[in-house]
Protein backbone atom coordinates (compact mmCIF):
# COMPACT_ATOMS: atom_id res chain seq x y z
CA MET A 1 45.17 33.19 36.03
CA ARG A 2 46.02 32.39 39.61
CA LYS A 3 43.65 30.50 41.85
CA ILE A 4 41.71 32.12 44.67
CA GLU A 5 43.30 31.52 48.08
CA LEU A 6 42.14 31.82 51.65
CA LYS A 7 44.24 34.97 52.03
CA ASP A 8 42.07 36.67 49.38
CA ILE A 9 38.94 36.34 51.53
CA ILE A 10 37.99 39.05 54.00
CA ASN A 11 35.86 38.31 57.04
CA ILE A 12 32.10 38.85 56.95
CA TYR A 13 32.25 41.94 59.17
CA GLU A 14 34.77 43.73 56.95
CA TYR A 15 33.02 42.58 53.80
CA GLU A 16 29.72 44.04 54.99
CA LYS A 17 31.33 47.47 55.24
CA GLN A 18 32.69 47.19 51.69
CA ARG A 19 29.80 45.34 50.10
CA GLU A 20 27.91 48.25 48.57
CA GLN A 21 30.98 49.46 46.69
CA ARG A 22 31.99 45.94 45.72
CA ILE A 23 28.58 45.31 44.19
CA LYS A 24 28.88 48.50 42.13
CA ASP A 25 32.36 47.50 40.99
CA ILE A 26 31.42 43.96 40.03
CA LEU A 27 28.33 45.10 38.12
CA GLN A 28 30.52 47.44 36.10
CA LEU A 29 32.98 44.63 35.44
CA LYS A 30 30.31 42.13 34.46
CA GLU A 31 28.78 44.63 32.07
CA LYS A 32 32.02 44.51 30.10
CA ARG A 33 32.19 40.71 30.25
CA LYS A 34 28.72 39.68 29.09
CA ILE A 35 27.10 38.98 25.74
CA HIS A 36 23.50 38.23 24.81
CA ILE A 37 22.89 35.45 22.29
CA GLY A 38 19.41 36.07 20.95
CA ASP A 39 16.79 37.13 23.48
CA LYS A 40 16.96 34.17 25.84
CA LEU A 41 20.64 33.42 26.45
CA LEU A 42 23.15 35.46 28.40
CA ILE A 43 26.81 34.57 28.69
CA THR A 44 29.00 36.05 31.41
CA PHE A 45 32.72 35.33 31.26
CA GLU A 46 34.23 34.52 34.63
CA ASN A 47 37.60 35.58 36.03
CA PHE A 48 39.33 35.95 39.38
CA GLN A 49 37.29 39.02 40.39
CA THR A 50 33.86 37.68 39.44
CA LEU A 51 34.39 34.38 41.24
CA LEU A 52 35.95 35.99 44.32
CA PHE A 53 32.83 38.15 44.58
CA GLN A 54 30.60 35.07 44.35
CA ILE A 55 32.57 33.38 47.12
CA GLN A 56 32.28 36.41 49.38
CA GLU A 57 28.53 36.56 48.73
CA MET A 58 28.14 32.87 49.48
CA LEU A 59 30.07 33.17 52.74
CA ARG A 60 27.91 36.13 53.72
CA ALA A 61 24.63 34.40 52.84
CA GLU A 62 25.55 31.17 54.65
CA ARG A 63 27.34 32.95 57.52
CA ILE A 64 30.41 30.79 56.98
CA VAL A 65 33.28 31.72 59.25
CA SER A 66 35.36 28.57 59.71
CA GLU A 67 38.45 28.35 57.52
CA GLU A 68 37.67 24.75 56.64
CA LYS A 69 34.23 25.63 55.25
CA MET A 70 35.62 28.71 53.53
CA GLN A 71 38.23 26.58 51.80
CA GLU A 72 35.51 24.22 50.59
CA GLU A 73 33.75 27.14 48.89
CA ILE A 74 37.03 28.38 47.43
CA ASP A 75 37.74 24.94 45.97
CA ILE A 76 34.31 24.79 44.34
CA TYR A 77 34.65 28.17 42.65
CA ASN A 78 38.26 27.63 41.66
CA GLU A 79 36.99 24.84 39.43
CA LEU A 80 35.24 27.54 37.38
CA LEU A 81 38.34 29.65 36.87
CA PRO A 82 39.79 29.64 33.35
CA GLN A 83 43.04 27.74 33.11
CA LYS A 84 45.90 28.41 30.68
CA ASN A 85 44.59 29.08 27.15
CA GLU A 86 40.97 28.98 28.30
CA LEU A 87 37.93 31.18 28.60
CA SER A 88 35.42 30.18 31.26
CA PHE A 89 31.82 31.33 31.19
CA THR A 90 28.39 30.93 32.70
CA LEU A 91 25.46 30.42 30.34
CA PHE A 92 22.15 31.68 31.69
CA ILE A 93 18.81 30.79 30.11
CA GLU A 94 16.54 33.76 30.76
CA ILE A 95 12.81 33.13 30.23
CA PRO A 96 10.78 35.34 32.60
CA ASP A 97 7.35 34.08 31.50
CA ASP A 98 6.39 30.94 33.42
CA GLU A 99 4.35 29.32 30.66
CA GLU A 100 6.99 29.93 28.01
CA ARG A 101 9.68 28.61 30.36
CA LYS A 102 7.75 25.37 30.97
CA LYS A 103 7.57 24.77 27.20
CA LEU A 104 11.15 25.70 26.37
CA ILE A 105 13.03 23.88 29.12
CA THR A 106 12.19 20.60 27.38
CA LYS A 107 12.85 21.96 23.88
CA LEU A 108 16.26 23.38 24.82
CA VAL A 109 17.67 20.17 26.29
CA GLY A 110 21.35 19.87 25.41
CA ILE A 111 21.77 23.49 24.39
CA HIS A 112 25.11 23.55 26.21
CA ASP A 113 26.50 21.21 23.54
CA PHE A 114 25.82 23.72 20.76
CA VAL A 115 27.75 26.78 21.92
CA GLU A 116 30.69 27.72 19.69
CA LEU A 117 33.17 30.52 19.18
CA HIS A 118 33.69 31.33 15.49
CA MET A 119 36.65 33.23 14.09
CA MET A 120 36.81 34.43 10.47
CA ARG A 121 40.20 34.43 8.80
CA PRO A 122 41.46 34.70 5.22
CA LYS A 123 42.21 31.38 3.60
CA HIS A 124 45.79 30.40 3.05
CA GLU A 125 47.34 27.52 1.23
CA ASN A 126 47.65 24.20 3.06
CA TYR A 127 44.99 25.09 5.64
CA GLN A 128 42.86 22.07 6.52
CA TYR A 129 39.20 23.04 6.27
CA ASP A 130 36.82 22.20 9.05
CA GLU A 131 33.32 20.88 8.46
CA LEU A 132 31.83 24.34 8.09
CA ASN A 133 34.11 25.09 5.14
CA LYS A 134 34.05 21.81 3.21
CA ASP A 135 31.24 22.97 0.90
CA ASN A 136 32.38 26.58 0.68
CA LYS A 137 35.97 26.45 -0.45
CA ASP A 138 35.56 29.22 -2.99
CA SER A 139 34.87 31.93 -0.43
CA ASP A 140 37.68 34.26 0.62
CA LYS A 141 37.16 33.54 4.33
CA GLN A 142 37.19 30.43 6.45
CA VAL A 143 35.73 29.79 9.85
CA ILE A 144 37.76 28.50 12.76
CA VAL A 145 35.42 26.91 15.29
CA ILE A 146 36.06 26.33 18.98
CA LYS A 147 33.32 24.29 20.61
CA GLY A 148 32.29 25.05 24.15
CA ALA A 149 32.92 22.27 26.68
CA ALA A 150 30.33 22.06 29.46
CA ASP A 151 30.98 20.68 32.92
CA LYS A 152 29.61 17.30 34.00
CA GLN A 153 26.59 18.85 35.70
CA SER A 154 25.10 19.73 32.31
CA ALA A 155 24.70 16.03 31.49
CA LEU A 156 21.64 16.09 33.76
CA ASP A 157 19.75 17.67 30.86
CA TYR A 158 19.62 14.34 29.09
CA LYS A 159 18.67 12.38 32.20
CA THR A 160 15.80 14.68 33.22
CA ASN A 161 14.77 15.82 29.71
CA ARG A 162 14.77 19.36 31.05
CA THR A 163 17.50 21.88 30.50
CA GLN A 164 19.04 23.54 33.50
CA MET A 165 18.78 27.31 33.57
CA VAL A 166 22.50 27.76 34.31
CA HIS A 167 25.44 25.98 32.63
CA PHE A 168 29.20 26.35 33.07
CA LEU A 169 31.38 26.03 29.98
CA ARG A 170 34.88 26.64 28.63
CA PHE A 171 36.49 27.47 25.33
CA HIS A 172 39.91 25.82 24.95
CA PHE A 173 42.40 27.57 22.63
CA ASN A 174 45.73 26.58 21.17
CA GLU A 175 48.44 29.22 20.76
CA ASP A 176 47.61 29.90 17.12
CA GLU A 177 43.91 30.30 17.91
CA ILE A 178 44.71 32.89 20.57
CA LYS A 179 46.61 34.94 17.98
CA GLN A 180 43.75 34.61 15.53
CA PHE A 181 41.22 35.62 18.18
CA GLU A 182 43.16 38.80 18.82
CA PHE A 183 42.94 39.98 15.22
CA ASP A 184 40.00 38.22 13.56
CA LYS A 185 36.32 39.03 13.62
CA SER A 186 34.78 36.69 16.19
CA SER A 187 31.28 35.64 17.16
CA ILE A 188 29.59 33.33 19.60
CA VAL A 189 27.14 31.01 17.88
CA VAL A 190 24.42 28.79 19.33
CA ASN A 191 23.09 26.37 16.71
CA HIS A 192 20.68 24.20 18.69
CA SER A 193 17.75 22.92 16.62
CA GLU A 194 15.33 25.00 18.73
CA TYR A 195 17.55 28.04 19.18
CA ASN A 196 19.84 29.36 16.47
CA TYR A 197 21.45 32.75 17.10
CA SER A 198 24.84 34.41 16.98
CA ALA A 199 26.38 37.58 18.41
CA PHE A 200 29.48 39.51 17.38
CA ILE A 201 32.14 39.92 20.09
CA GLU A 202 32.53 43.67 20.49
CA PRO A 203 36.00 45.21 21.07
CA ARG A 204 35.33 45.95 24.77
CA LEU A 205 34.50 42.32 25.48
CA LYS A 206 37.35 41.05 23.34
CA HIS A 207 39.80 43.20 25.31
CA GLU A 208 38.60 41.58 28.55
CA LEU A 209 38.86 38.09 27.10
CA LEU A 210 42.34 38.63 25.71
CA ASN A 211 43.44 39.70 29.18
CA ASP A 212 42.16 36.33 30.46
CA LEU A 213 43.91 34.38 27.75
CA LEU A 214 47.21 36.18 28.12
CA SER A 215 47.31 36.42 31.92
């Protein structure tokens, strides 16, 4: 996936004329690229279009017009783009009730370290089992696990003893895992001690994610 460049940005005046349609388009795109994990976590997978939209919105909100400042914003958001053999996503913790949020932000510390992508595949001879399979070698399926890798900002959870409401993570694949992801049943699993849920990756979302991995 190519990086966002200055040439991709349109000026604030032109963007204002297009903004209403762009918002409609990006909402439709994000609808295909999101997945709820339980009732309190939302994951949105990022790509060139979603991050370009965020840049344009930031430039509009901050009234940024100088190319130097625009490039600074581009550089920041390019860090969130998925690289080769990666999926990049934003993890939102959604707790509308104030009292419940105050209680849970301390209980959910470190939740970013417990986000995984699970793929089910038939066993075959000579496959080295991961930890999830070591006590279940008689089943006809095995789980391939890809752990989410959070950015450095998420480490603040442990320093403040309060989880942040937004985290940025990546799933790193090898070539074989990409092939397995294409054909195997896949889920996203969060197995934090205070929050344990999973969600099946529906075909529409998987199609989007395969485009990211193969682009």
